[in-house]
Amino acid sequence: MKKTDFLAKLIDEKKIQIIEPSENIKNAYLKRSYESLTSSKLLADAGNLNDSIALTYYSMYYSVLALFYRIGL
């Protein structure tokens, strides 16, 4: 299956949609990503690795959302 076929299928199934790109929403998600990563580092330094890993995951999640809003997906 080609990449374009995969994306077309997701659009047809209404699992993703094309939207207007938004710098404001992108920046808000990047800020949340940075805050999560900063908190993650503090927790790791304090020895709380489980919560640190969870916040690192959320930092990556928010970064991907920022990318999606930047490109309008």
C-alpha atoms as a PDB file:
ATOM      1  CA  MET A   1       0.000   0.000   0.000  1.00  0.00           C
ATOM      2  CA  LYS A   2       1.393   3.391  -1.008  1.00  0.00           C
ATOM      3  CA  LYS A   3       1.678   6.172   1.535  1.00  0.00           C
ATOM      4  CA  THR A   4      -0.866   8.277  -0.329  1.00  0.00           C
ATOM      5  CA  ASP A   5      -3.319   5.358  -0.362  1.00  0.00           C
ATOM      6  CA  PHE A   6      -2.923   5.004   3.383  1.00  0.00           C
ATOM      7  CA  LEU A   7      -3.600   8.705   3.992  1.00  0.00           C
ATOM      8  CA  ALA A   8      -6.546   8.687   1.583  1.00  0.00           C
ATOM      9  CA  LYS A   9      -8.006   5.728   3.456  1.00  0.00           C
ATOM     10  CA  LEU A  10      -7.680   7.530   6.797  1.00  0.00           C
ATOM     11  CA  ILE A  11      -9.353  10.617   5.345  1.00  0.00           C
ATOM     12  CA  ASP A  12     -12.171   8.517   3.840  1.00  0.00           C
ATOM     13  CA  GLU A  13     -12.708   6.804   7.210  1.00  0.00           C
ATOM     14  CA  LYS A  14     -12.828  10.245   8.889  1.00  0.00           C
ATOM     15  CA  LYS A  15      -9.926   9.280  11.163  1.00  0.00           C
ATOM     16  CA  ILE A  16      -7.985  12.370  10.065  1.00  0.00           C
ATOM     17  CA  GLN A  17      -9.032  15.545   8.328  1.00  0.00           C
ATOM     18  CA  ILE A  18      -7.366  18.397   6.502  1.00  0.00           C
ATOM     19  CA  ILE A  19      -7.686  21.703   8.393  1.00  0.00           C
ATOM     20  CA  GLU A  20      -6.276  25.207   8.196  1.00  0.00           C
ATOM     21  CA  PRO A  21      -2.763  25.273   9.660  1.00  0.00           C
ATOM     22  CA  SER A  22      -2.610  27.192  12.941  1.00  0.00           C
ATOM     23  CA  GLU A  23       0.531  28.833  14.261  1.00  0.00           C
ATOM     24  CA  ASN A  24      -1.218  29.705  17.544  1.00  0.00           C
ATOM     25  CA  ILE A  25      -2.251  26.119  18.298  1.00  0.00           C
ATOM     26  CA  LYS A  26       1.146  24.842  17.129  1.00  0.00           C
ATOM     27  CA  ASN A  27       2.911  27.227  19.517  1.00  0.00           C
ATOM     28  CA  ALA A  28       0.617  26.263  22.402  1.00  0.00           C
ATOM     29  CA  TYR A  29       1.428  22.572  21.901  1.00  0.00           C
ATOM     30  CA  LEU A  30       5.146  23.295  21.621  1.00  0.00           C
ATOM     31  CA  LYS A  31       4.949  25.189  24.912  1.00  0.00           C
ATOM     32  CA  ARG A  32       3.207  22.232  26.578  1.00  0.00           C
ATOM     33  CA  SER A  33       5.851  19.923  25.113  1.00  0.00           C
ATOM     34  CA  TYR A  34       8.647  22.040  26.543  1.00  0.00           C
ATOM     35  CA  GLU A  35       6.963  22.237  29.947  1.00  0.00           C
ATOM     36  CA  SER A  36       6.467  18.461  30.046  1.00  0.00           C
ATOM     37  CA  LEU A  37      10.084  17.853  29.097  1.00  0.00           C
ATOM     38  CA  THR A  38      11.343  20.319  31.714  1.00  0.00           C
ATOM     39  CA  SER A  39       9.246  18.622  34.406  1.00  0.00           C
ATOM     40  CA  SER A  40      10.429  15.242  33.196  1.00  0.00           C
ATOM     41  CA  LYS A  41      14.055  16.260  33.681  1.00  0.00           C
ATOM     42  CA  LEU A  42      13.332  17.466  37.230  1.00  0.00           C
ATOM     43  CA  LEU A  43      11.603  14.197  38.101  1.00  0.00           C
ATOM     44  CA  ALA A  44      14.454  12.157  36.624  1.00  0.00           C
ATOM     45  CA  ASP A  45      16.987  14.116  38.669  1.00  0.00           C
ATOM     46  CA  ALA A  46      14.897  13.407  41.778  1.00  0.00           C
ATOM     47  CA  GLY A  47      14.913   9.670  40.963  1.00  0.00           C
ATOM     48  CA  ASN A  48      11.245   9.448  39.978  1.00  0.00           C
ATOM     49  CA  LEU A  49      11.816   7.644  36.688  1.00  0.00           C
ATOM     50  CA  ASN A  50       8.293   6.293  36.073  1.00  0.00           C
ATOM     51  CA  ASP A  51       6.698   9.728  36.118  1.00  0.00           C
ATOM     52  CA  SER A  52       9.645  11.163  34.214  1.00  0.00           C
ATOM     53  CA  ILE A  53       9.117   8.645  31.414  1.00  0.00           C
ATOM     54  CA  ALA A  54       5.399   9.432  31.289  1.00  0.00           C
ATOM     55  CA  LEU A  55       6.061  13.158  30.930  1.00  0.00           C
ATOM     56  CA  THR A  56       8.694  12.490  28.268  1.00  0.00           C
ATOM     57  CA  TYR A  57       6.054  10.559  26.328  1.00  0.00           C
ATOM     58  CA  TYR A  58       3.636  13.491  26.629  1.00  0.00           C
ATOM     59  CA  SER A  59       6.352  15.879  25.492  1.00  0.00           C
ATOM     60  CA  MET A  60       6.747  13.848  22.292  1.00  0.00           C
ATOM     61  CA  TYR A  61       2.963  13.583  21.892  1.00  0.00           C
ATOM     62  CA  TYR A  62       2.548  17.359  22.131  1.00  0.00           C
ATOM     63  CA  SER A  63       5.387  17.865  19.635  1.00  0.00           C
ATOM     64  CA  VAL A  64       3.638  15.634  17.104  1.00  0.00           C
ATOM     65  CA  LEU A  65       0.354  17.480  17.648  1.00  0.00           C
ATOM     66  CA  ALA A  66       2.199  20.755  17.050  1.00  0.00           C
ATOM     67  CA  LEU A  67       3.531  19.356  13.777  1.00  0.00           C
ATOM     68  CA  PHE A  68       0.053  18.240  12.696  1.00  0.00           C
ATOM     69  CA  TYR A  69      -1.420  21.677  13.417  1.00  0.00           C
ATOM     70  CA  ARG A  70       1.497  23.311  11.607  1.00  0.00           C
ATOM     71  CA  ILE A  71       0.813  21.343   8.406  1.00  0.00           C
ATOM     72  CA  GLY A  72      -2.971  21.366   8.751  1.00  0.00           C
ATOM     73  CA  LEU A  73      -3.677  17.730   9.501  1.00  0.00           C
END
